[in-house]
Amino acid sequence: MSRIGKKAVELPDGVTAAVTGRTIEVQGPRGVRSFTATDDVAMAVDGNVVRVTPRGSSKRARQQWGMTRSQVANLVTGVTSGFRKELNISGVGFRARLQGEELVLSLGYSSDIRVKAPQGVTISVPRQTSVVIEGIDQQLVGQVAADIRAWRKPEPYKGKGISYSGERIFRKEGKKK
């Protein structure tokens, strides 16, 4: 049985949830998010608690049970506090800046890289070597961060590149003469 699926998702003050068929819509101070579950699970709202139950005992139903509960919990987190990813840029001459609503990255290529944030995601640059990505959709925030990081992944010899905050870069020893 799913240990994650057994736990009910608590709705904090100011957050409402409505289930229509297989779709749950969660509304909070930061916005509205929805998720459509598979036929293998059933969702119900009891006061300020959302419960997810499997509709059978198959392996797929048990898998979907835990996954659906996690998705509902992420919806609630997104509309209350939101999600945040921080990227650090290291390397001589590597920097980031905002130009209007576009992120402009100077990463040692012949021209600057321009990244436009999708709707629902905000990008800020507190320092030239730091980029903060925020939004209510966890998947979208993570995807934008991964796309930015992919322009110059951290290399193992000097550690230059774009890394997540708190990411440990495995460093290699260079050639010896």
Foldseek 3Di string as FASTA:
>chain_A
DDPQQQDKAFADPQWDWDDDPQKIWIAGQQGIDMDGADPQWDWDDDPRIIHIDGPDDDPVSNVSSNVVSVVVNLLRCLRPPWDKWKKFADDVPWWWDDDPQWIWTDQPDPGIDIDHQDPQKGWDDPDRGMIMITGSDPVSSVVSLVVQQVVFPQDQDPRGGMDTVPDDRHHDHDDDD
